[in-house]
């Protein structure tokens, strides 16, 4: 990457990422690197680009939904049809100068195009190929299609979500597994780059969507292996602590309380001015045995006043509590503003667009949003013409043939 291409000198500055994926998981991993200074080149099919461009709420910009603008931040876009021999050859030229390739096709797709791991590492032995798919690159289910909703179900999280005896519900957003797998993908890339620093060799990072979900099930694996226990949906609480869940306030809103220890419960009883509850149920095992009674007493207290008043007492007595926020609540909360968790980024033709900020917050080399999702092919000239040296006539011929 030339000095003129460096728009932000972050900790990943000097790393070039080729993002050939679609939708969220692998592109999110690439976006994280881009937030901290990597040059991310989004490679899209000339026929419409990444379908994520049209997912969610449209804007006045063609093929630039709010979802696209948010998640394709800090990327450049080039168009390239990898299914064509000419497109595959152009991609190989880009791989020579790349550090990372991110993809999330079904296993075998890149191989079908002559762009599998063996071919790519022969071109660039230091390359890191990050692959995210529904079920991973190996195993009997590897060829099955996968989306986050399926990953939640297969990975064991959906079974735990909802009220006992009712239809399982979506755990969080429908895209939760995509974001979780993208985070793991970014971690894998960073570790692979560190390995390359030591050995000079690249490697393949293989991430299945369901595995990020499965990894978040705390003690379910050792518990079942030990005694065959199958945890069931727990609704708004948990079998391990009480009171620990969601409670209504007197104004119709909700809040979350987390008394994971006896000490936390003692603080709550002080906030409630109910020393009798502490005397009778100060031990966690006693509270769990009398769960319904304890929850009823806490609910009576939370519904006796507005949520703001409940939270004020909880904060005063150091009880772990928080509002169950809607996005409207979040926009009103001073803590989100103080931490700059949302930032307004100017987009030509749209004005300022508010998006989530960059996380985590590094003290010496923080991340940065240079631009939101790019227009389709906005870097074709810079990459194909200026860098690879294709003439105007050559680019026109490739465009006419549907290659770029």
Protein backbone atom coordinates (compact mmCIF):
# COMPACT_ATOMS: atom_id res chain seq x y z
CA UNK A 1 0.00 0.00 0.00
CA UNK A 2 1.43 3.37 -1.03
CA UNK A 3 1.70 6.28 1.34
CA UNK A 4 -1.02 8.13 -0.56
CA UNK A 5 -3.43 5.23 0.05
CA UNK A 6 -3.07 5.39 3.82
CA UNK A 7 -6.15 7.23 5.04
CA UNK A 8 -5.59 6.32 8.67
CA UNK A 9 -2.47 5.09 10.41
CA UNK A 10 -3.85 2.60 12.90
CA UNK A 11 -2.34 -0.53 14.44
CA UNK A 12 -3.33 -2.55 11.34
CA UNK A 13 -1.85 0.01 8.95
CA UNK A 14 0.08 -1.68 6.16
CA UNK A 15 -2.17 -4.75 6.13
CA UNK A 16 -4.15 -5.30 2.94
CA UNK A 17 -7.38 -7.31 3.17
CA UNK A 18 -9.33 -8.67 0.22
CA UNK A 19 -12.96 -9.13 1.25
CA UNK A 20 -14.66 -11.43 -1.28
CA UNK A 21 -17.49 -12.41 1.09
CA UNK A 22 -21.15 -11.39 1.25
CA UNK A 23 -23.60 -10.39 3.96
CA UNK A 24 -22.19 -10.16 7.48
CA UNK A 25 -19.87 -12.69 9.11
CA UNK A 26 -16.63 -12.57 7.10
CA UNK A 27 -17.21 -8.97 5.94
CA UNK A 28 -17.60 -7.97 9.58
CA UNK A 29 -14.21 -9.49 10.39
CA UNK A 30 -12.71 -7.45 7.55
CA UNK A 31 -14.49 -4.31 8.74
CA UNK A 32 -12.98 -4.66 12.22
CA UNK A 33 -9.50 -4.71 10.69
CA UNK A 34 -10.42 -1.72 8.56
CA UNK A 35 -11.52 0.26 11.60
CA UNK A 36 -7.99 -0.06 12.95
CA UNK A 37 -6.14 0.94 9.82
CA UNK A 38 -6.08 -2.03 7.43
CA UNK A 39 -6.75 -1.34 3.77
CA UNK A 40 -9.86 -3.35 2.97
CA UNK A 41 -10.76 -3.93 -0.66
CA UNK A 42 -14.31 -5.19 -1.04
CA UNK A 43 -14.48 -7.41 -4.13
CA UNK A 44 -18.03 -7.60 -5.48
CA UNK A 45 -19.81 -9.25 -8.37
CA UNK A 46 -20.34 -6.67 -11.15
CA UNK A 47 -23.98 -7.77 -11.38
CA UNK A 48 -25.30 -5.89 -8.36
CA UNK A 49 -22.50 -6.37 -5.85
CA UNK A 50 -22.96 -7.78 -2.36
CA UNK A 51 -26.68 -8.53 -1.71
CA UNK A 52 -26.17 -6.85 1.67
CA UNK A 53 -26.32 -3.56 -0.24
CA UNK A 54 -30.07 -4.06 -0.57
CA UNK A 55 -30.75 -5.63 2.83
CA UNK A 56 -32.69 -3.62 5.37
CA UNK A 57 -33.73 0.01 5.02
CA UNK A 58 -32.98 1.61 1.63
CA UNK A 59 -31.55 5.12 1.27
CA UNK A 60 -31.53 7.71 -1.51
CA UNK A 61 -28.24 6.22 -2.73
CA UNK A 62 -28.69 3.31 -5.11
CA UNK A 63 -27.75 -0.07 -3.62
CA UNK A 64 -26.71 1.54 -0.33
CA UNK A 65 -29.04 0.45 2.46
CA UNK A 66 -28.47 1.63 6.01
CA UNK A 67 -27.23 -1.89 6.79
CA UNK A 68 -24.68 -1.65 3.98
CA UNK A 69 -23.49 1.81 4.97
CA UNK A 70 -23.00 0.64 8.56
CA UNK A 71 -21.23 -2.68 8.01
CA UNK A 72 -19.15 -1.91 4.90
CA UNK A 73 -17.42 0.98 6.62
CA UNK A 74 -13.82 1.86 5.78
CA UNK A 75 -13.82 -0.29 2.63
CA UNK A 76 -13.04 0.34 -1.02
CA UNK A 77 -15.13 -1.43 -3.64
CA UNK A 78 -13.95 -3.09 -6.83
CA UNK A 79 -16.09 -5.21 -9.12
CA UNK A 80 -14.81 -8.60 -10.21
CA UNK A 81 -16.52 -11.76 -11.42
CA UNK A 82 -14.49 -14.55 -9.84
CA UNK A 83 -16.47 -17.14 -11.78
CA UNK A 84 -14.77 -16.17 -15.03
CA UNK A 85 -11.20 -17.23 -15.92
CA UNK A 86 -10.24 -13.60 -16.54
CA UNK A 87 -11.70 -12.59 -13.18
CA UNK A 88 -9.82 -15.37 -11.40
CA UNK A 89 -6.56 -14.23 -12.99
CA UNK A 90 -7.12 -10.64 -11.89
CA UNK A 91 -7.85 -11.87 -8.39
CA UNK A 92 -4.58 -13.80 -8.32
CA UNK A 93 -2.74 -10.58 -9.16
CA UNK A 94 -4.39 -8.89 -6.21
CA UNK A 95 -3.53 -11.82 -3.93
CA UNK A 96 0.17 -11.26 -4.60
CA UNK A 97 0.10 -8.01 -2.62
CA UNK A 98 -2.54 -9.05 -0.05
CA UNK A 99 -2.05 -10.09 3.55
CA UNK A 100 -5.54 -11.45 4.18
CA UNK A 101 -8.43 -12.85 2.15
CA UNK A 102 -11.85 -13.11 3.81
CA UNK A 103 -14.48 -15.38 2.28
CA UNK A 104 -17.71 -17.11 3.34
CA UNK A 105 -18.77 -19.18 0.36
CA UNK A 106 -19.83 -22.77 0.78
CA UNK A 107 -16.77 -25.04 1.09
CA UNK A 108 -15.39 -25.95 -2.32
CA UNK A 109 -16.60 -22.81 -4.09
CA UNK A 110 -13.23 -21.10 -4.32
CA UNK A 111 -11.69 -24.43 -5.32
CA UNK A 112 -14.23 -24.72 -8.13
CA UNK A 113 -13.02 -21.39 -9.48
CA UNK A 114 -9.36 -22.41 -9.26
CA UNK A 115 -8.84 -20.14 -6.26
CA UNK A 116 -8.58 -22.64 -3.41
CA UNK A 117 -6.12 -22.52 -0.54
CA UNK A 118 -3.45 -24.50 -2.36
CA UNK A 119 -3.53 -22.15 -5.34
CA UNK A 120 -3.57 -18.97 -3.27
CA UNK A 121 -0.73 -19.90 -0.92
CA UNK A 122 1.37 -20.91 -3.92
CA UNK A 123 0.98 -17.34 -5.15
CA UNK A 124 1.56 -15.78 -1.72
CA UNK A 125 3.02 -18.08 0.98
CA UNK A 126 2.41 -15.44 3.65
CA UNK A 127 -1.30 -15.13 2.92
CA UNK A 128 -3.91 -15.61 5.63
CA UNK A 129 -7.16 -17.04 4.25
CA UNK A 130 -10.04 -16.57 6.66
CA UNK A 131 -13.01 -18.81 5.80
CA UNK A 132 -16.39 -18.64 7.53
CA UNK A 133 -19.15 -21.05 6.54
CA UNK A 134 -22.23 -22.53 8.14
CA UNK A 135 -20.58 -25.77 9.29
CA UNK A 136 -16.87 -25.30 8.58
CA UNK A 137 -14.55 -26.69 5.93
CA UNK A 138 -14.69 -30.28 7.25
CA UNK A 139 -17.24 -32.67 8.70
CA UNK A 140 -20.30 -34.43 7.29
CA UNK A 141 -22.40 -31.22 7.18
CA UNK A 142 -19.80 -28.99 5.52
CA UNK A 143 -21.75 -28.68 2.24
CA UNK A 144 -24.98 -27.54 3.89
CA UNK A 145 -25.98 -23.87 3.56
CA UNK A 146 -25.92 -21.91 6.77
CA UNK A 147 -27.19 -18.62 8.17
CA UNK A 148 -27.00 -17.16 11.65
CA UNK A 149 -30.51 -18.29 12.53
CA UNK A 150 -29.52 -21.87 11.69
CA UNK A 151 -26.28 -21.48 13.67
CA UNK A 152 -28.24 -20.36 16.74
CA UNK A 153 -30.38 -23.47 16.48
CA UNK A 154 -27.66 -25.99 15.65
CA UNK A 155 -25.19 -24.53 18.15
CA UNK A 156 -27.54 -24.96 21.10
CA UNK A 157 -28.51 -21.36 21.88
CA UNK A 158 -32.03 -21.26 20.47
CA UNK A 159 -33.02 -24.24 22.64
CA UNK A 160 -32.30 -22.10 25.70
CA UNK A 161 -34.18 -19.03 24.47
CA UNK A 162 -37.74 -18.22 25.42
CA UNK A 163 -40.19 -19.27 28.10
CA UNK A 164 -40.42 -22.86 29.35
CA UNK A 165 -42.86 -24.95 27.33
CA UNK A 166 -43.21 -22.40 24.53
CA UNK A 167 -41.75 -22.10 21.03
CA UNK A 168 -38.05 -21.15 21.23
CA UNK A 169 -37.45 -17.52 20.29
CA UNK A 170 -34.71 -15.77 18.37
CA UNK A 171 -31.75 -15.17 20.72
CA UNK A 172 -31.00 -11.49 20.24
CA UNK A 173 -30.93 -10.27 16.65
CA UNK A 174 -31.27 -12.74 13.80
CA UNK A 175 -27.66 -11.87 12.87
CA UNK A 176 -26.10 -12.50 16.29
CA UNK A 177 -24.19 -15.60 15.15
CA UNK A 178 -22.79 -13.70 12.16
CA UNK A 179 -21.35 -10.99 14.36
CA UNK A 180 -20.01 -13.50 16.88
CA UNK A 181 -18.33 -15.51 14.11
CA UNK A 182 -16.95 -12.34 12.56
CA UNK A 183 -15.32 -11.50 15.88
CA UNK A 184 -13.77 -14.96 16.06
CA UNK A 185 -12.68 -14.56 12.45
CA UNK A 186 -10.93 -11.29 13.26
CA UNK A 187 -9.21 -12.90 16.26
CA UNK A 188 -8.11 -15.78 14.05
CA UNK A 189 -6.67 -13.38 11.50
CA UNK A 190 -4.73 -11.48 14.14
CA UNK A 191 -3.26 -14.69 15.57
CA UNK A 192 -2.39 -15.93 12.07
CA UNK A 193 -0.64 -12.64 11.28
CA UNK A 194 1.28 -12.93 14.54
CA UNK A 195 2.29 -16.47 13.56
CA UNK A 196 3.45 -15.10 10.20
CA UNK A 197 5.56 -12.52 11.99
CA UNK A 198 7.41 -15.38 13.66
CA UNK A 199 7.46 -18.02 10.92
CA UNK A 200 6.99 -16.08 7.70
CA UNK A 201 4.17 -18.45 6.75
CA UNK A 202 0.50 -17.76 6.28
CA UNK A 203 -2.31 -20.16 7.12
CA UNK A 204 -6.00 -20.85 6.74
CA UNK A 205 -8.48 -19.81 9.45
CA UNK A 206 -11.55 -22.10 9.45
CA UNK A 207 -14.61 -20.81 11.36
CA UNK A 208 -18.09 -22.34 11.41
CA UNK A 209 -21.02 -20.07 12.23
CA UNK A 210 -22.43 -22.48 14.80
CA UNK A 211 -19.10 -22.81 16.65
CA UNK A 212 -19.10 -19.22 17.89
CA UNK A 213 -22.59 -19.82 19.30
CA UNK A 214 -21.65 -23.19 20.78
CA UNK A 215 -18.62 -21.64 22.53
CA UNK A 216 -20.93 -19.30 24.47
CA UNK A 217 -22.86 -22.02 26.35
CA UNK A 218 -20.82 -21.72 29.59
CA UNK A 219 -21.01 -25.00 31.58
CA UNK A 220 -23.42 -26.99 29.39
CA UNK A 221 -20.73 -29.25 27.90
CA UNK A 222 -19.03 -30.43 31.11
CA UNK A 223 -22.39 -30.66 32.93
CA UNK A 224 -23.96 -32.93 30.31
CA UNK A 225 -20.79 -35.01 30.01
CA UNK A 226 -20.75 -35.51 33.78
CA UNK A 227 -24.38 -36.30 34.56
CA UNK A 228 -26.49 -35.97 31.41
CA UNK A 229 -28.19 -32.75 32.52
CA UNK A 230 -30.00 -30.92 29.68
CA UNK A 231 -30.67 -27.30 30.52
CA UNK A 232 -34.07 -26.08 29.37
CA UNK A 233 -35.31 -22.57 28.54
CA UNK A 234 -35.26 -20.42 31.65
CA UNK A 235 -37.35 -17.51 30.44
CA UNK A 236 -36.31 -14.24 32.02
CA UNK A 237 -34.25 -15.75 34.83
CA UNK A 238 -31.66 -18.43 35.46
CA UNK A 239 -31.60 -21.64 37.47
CA UNK A 240 -28.28 -20.68 39.04
CA UNK A 241 -29.17 -17.47 40.88
CA UNK A 242 -32.13 -15.56 42.31
CA UNK A 243 -33.31 -12.87 41.86
CA UNK A 244 -31.58 -12.72 38.51
CA UNK A 245 -33.69 -11.63 35.56
CA UNK A 246 -36.08 -9.08 34.12
CA UNK A 247 -38.61 -7.14 36.16
CA UNK A 248 -41.42 -4.72 35.31
CA UNK A 249 -41.42 -1.20 36.65
CA UNK A 250 -44.45 0.83 37.64
CA UNK A 251 -44.41 2.89 34.44
CA UNK A 252 -44.68 -0.10 32.10
CA UNK A 253 -40.98 -0.31 31.29
CA UNK A 254 -38.59 -3.11 32.28
CA UNK A 255 -35.24 -3.43 33.96
CA UNK A 256 -32.70 -6.18 34.56
CA UNK A 257 -31.39 -7.25 37.96
CA UNK A 258 -28.44 -9.57 38.56
CA UNK A 259 -28.02 -10.84 42.10
CA UNK A 260 -25.49 -13.56 41.37
CA UNK A 261 -24.17 -13.65 44.94
CA UNK A 262 -25.51 -13.38 48.46
CA UNK A 263 -23.74 -10.06 48.82
CA UNK A 264 -25.60 -8.64 45.83
CA UNK A 265 -28.90 -9.83 47.29
CA UNK A 266 -28.10 -8.19 50.62
CA UNK A 267 -27.56 -4.91 48.81
CA UNK A 268 -30.89 -5.34 47.03
CA UNK A 269 -32.75 -5.93 50.29
CA UNK A 270 -31.22 -2.73 51.64
CA UNK A 271 -32.40 -0.86 48.55
CA UNK A 272 -35.87 -2.38 49.10
CA UNK A 273 -35.73 -1.59 52.84
CA UNK A 274 -36.59 -5.25 53.47
CA UNK A 275 -34.16 -6.62 56.08
CA UNK A 276 -36.61 -9.48 56.64
CA UNK A 277 -35.91 -10.81 53.13
CA UNK A 278 -32.22 -10.89 53.93
CA UNK A 279 -32.84 -12.65 57.23
CA UNK A 280 -35.07 -15.29 55.63
CA UNK A 281 -33.36 -15.75 52.25
CA UNK A 282 -29.77 -14.61 52.64
CA UNK A 283 -28.40 -17.90 51.33
CA UNK A 284 -28.53 -18.54 47.59
CA UNK A 285 -29.74 -22.12 47.99
CA UNK A 286 -32.60 -20.91 50.20
CA UNK A 287 -33.60 -18.31 47.62
CA UNK A 288 -33.52 -20.85 44.81
CA UNK A 289 -35.80 -23.15 46.79
CA UNK A 290 -38.21 -20.25 47.32
CA UNK A 291 -37.70 -18.71 43.89
CA UNK A 292 -41.33 -17.83 43.18
CA UNK A 293 -41.81 -16.11 46.53
CA UNK A 294 -38.58 -14.08 46.25
CA UNK A 295 -39.33 -13.02 42.67
CA UNK A 296 -42.85 -12.00 43.68
CA UNK A 297 -41.50 -9.80 46.47
CA UNK A 298 -38.96 -8.14 44.18
CA UNK A 299 -41.59 -7.64 41.47
CA UNK A 300 -43.92 -5.97 43.94
CA UNK A 301 -41.13 -3.56 44.78
CA UNK A 302 -40.09 -2.77 41.19
CA UNK A 303 -43.68 -2.17 40.12
CA UNK A 304 -44.28 0.25 43.00
CA UNK A 305 -42.39 3.06 41.28
CA UNK A 306 -41.14 4.20 37.85
CA UNK A 307 -38.06 2.51 36.41
CA UNK A 308 -35.92 5.60 36.94
CA UNK A 309 -36.63 5.51 40.67
CA UNK A 310 -35.89 1.77 40.90
CA UNK A 311 -32.58 2.25 39.12
CA UNK A 312 -31.69 5.21 41.33
CA UNK A 313 -32.08 3.06 44.45
CA UNK A 314 -30.14 0.21 42.87
CA UNK A 315 -27.26 2.51 41.94
CA UNK A 316 -27.30 4.07 45.39
CA UNK A 317 -26.96 0.62 47.00
CA UNK A 318 -24.57 -0.80 44.36
CA UNK A 319 -27.02 -3.38 43.08
CA UNK A 320 -26.20 -4.59 39.53
CA UNK A 321 -29.15 -3.27 37.53
CA UNK A 322 -29.82 -1.75 34.16
CA UNK A 323 -32.65 -0.51 32.04
CA UNK A 324 -33.90 -2.83 29.29
CA UNK A 325 -33.29 -0.27 26.60
CA UNK A 326 -35.00 0.20 23.28
CA UNK A 327 -32.97 1.97 20.62
CA UNK A 328 -34.92 5.12 21.51
CA UNK A 329 -33.75 4.76 25.12
CA UNK A 330 -30.17 4.32 23.93
CA UNK A 331 -30.29 7.56 21.96
CA UNK A 332 -31.39 9.38 25.12
CA UNK A 333 -28.82 7.82 27.44
CA UNK A 334 -25.92 10.11 28.41
CA UNK A 335 -23.51 7.21 28.90
CA UNK A 336 -23.68 6.19 25.24
CA UNK A 337 -22.97 9.81 24.28
CA UNK A 338 -20.11 10.19 26.74
CA UNK A 339 -18.40 7.06 25.38
CA UNK A 340 -19.05 8.10 21.77
CA UNK A 341 -20.70 4.75 21.17
CA UNK A 342 -22.57 6.30 18.25
CA UNK A 343 -20.99 8.60 15.70
CA UNK A 344 -22.35 10.64 12.81
CA UNK A 345 -20.44 10.08 9.57
CA UNK A 346 -21.02 12.30 6.52
CA UNK A 347 -22.08 10.47 3.36
CA UNK A 348 -22.15 12.38 0.06
CA UNK A 349 -25.73 12.62 -1.11
CA UNK A 350 -27.20 11.70 2.26
CA UNK A 351 -25.64 13.96 4.87
CA UNK A 352 -24.71 12.61 8.28
CA UNK A 353 -25.54 8.96 8.98
CA UNK A 354 -25.47 7.79 12.60
CA UNK A 355 -23.77 4.43 13.14
CA UNK A 356 -22.29 2.45 16.06
CA UNK A 357 -18.79 3.57 17.01
CA UNK A 358 -15.57 1.55 16.95
CA UNK A 359 -14.91 -1.08 19.60
CA UNK A 360 -12.80 -1.84 21.55
CA UNK A 361 -11.43 1.55 22.56
CA UNK A 362 -7.62 1.54 22.45
CA UNK A 363 -5.88 4.23 24.45
CA UNK A 364 -2.84 4.68 22.17
CA UNK A 365 -4.11 3.60 18.75
CA UNK A 366 -7.90 3.87 18.65
CA UNK A 367 -9.97 2.85 15.67
CA UNK A 368 -11.54 5.27 13.25
CA UNK A 369 -14.37 5.44 10.71
CA UNK A 370 -13.05 6.98 7.52
CA UNK A 371 -16.10 6.30 5.36
CA UNK A 372 -19.27 4.27 5.34
CA UNK A 373 -20.18 1.61 2.78
CA UNK A 374 -18.68 2.54 -0.62
CA UNK A 375 -20.46 2.88 -3.94
CA UNK A 376 -20.14 -0.19 -6.15
CA UNK A 377 -16.79 -0.21 -7.95
CA UNK A 378 -15.62 3.11 -6.54
CA UNK A 379 -11.99 1.91 -6.49
CA UNK A 380 -11.87 0.16 -9.88
CA UNK A 381 -9.67 2.81 -11.45
CA UNK A 382 -7.34 3.07 -8.46
CA UNK A 383 -6.84 -0.69 -8.15
CA UNK A 384 -7.05 -1.95 -11.73
CA UNK A 385 -5.81 1.11 -13.57
CA UNK A 386 -3.37 2.89 -11.28
CA UNK A 387 -2.04 -0.15 -9.39
CA UNK A 388 -2.25 -3.09 -11.77
CA UNK A 389 -1.61 -0.93 -14.81
CA UNK A 390 -4.62 -1.90 -16.92
CA UNK A 391 -5.27 0.55 -19.74
CA UNK A 392 -8.60 2.24 -20.28
CA UNK A 393 -9.21 0.01 -23.29
CA UNK A 394 -8.42 -3.14 -21.29
CA UNK A 395 -10.77 -2.11 -18.51
CA UNK A 396 -13.54 -1.33 -20.99
CA UNK A 397 -13.11 -4.75 -22.60
CA UNK A 398 -13.27 -6.45 -19.19
CA UNK A 399 -16.34 -4.42 -18.30
CA UNK A 400 -18.07 -5.33 -21.55
CA UNK A 401 -17.33 -9.00 -20.91
CA UNK A 402 -18.85 -8.82 -17.42
CA UNK A 403 -15.52 -9.44 -15.67
CA UNK A 404 -15.40 -6.13 -13.83
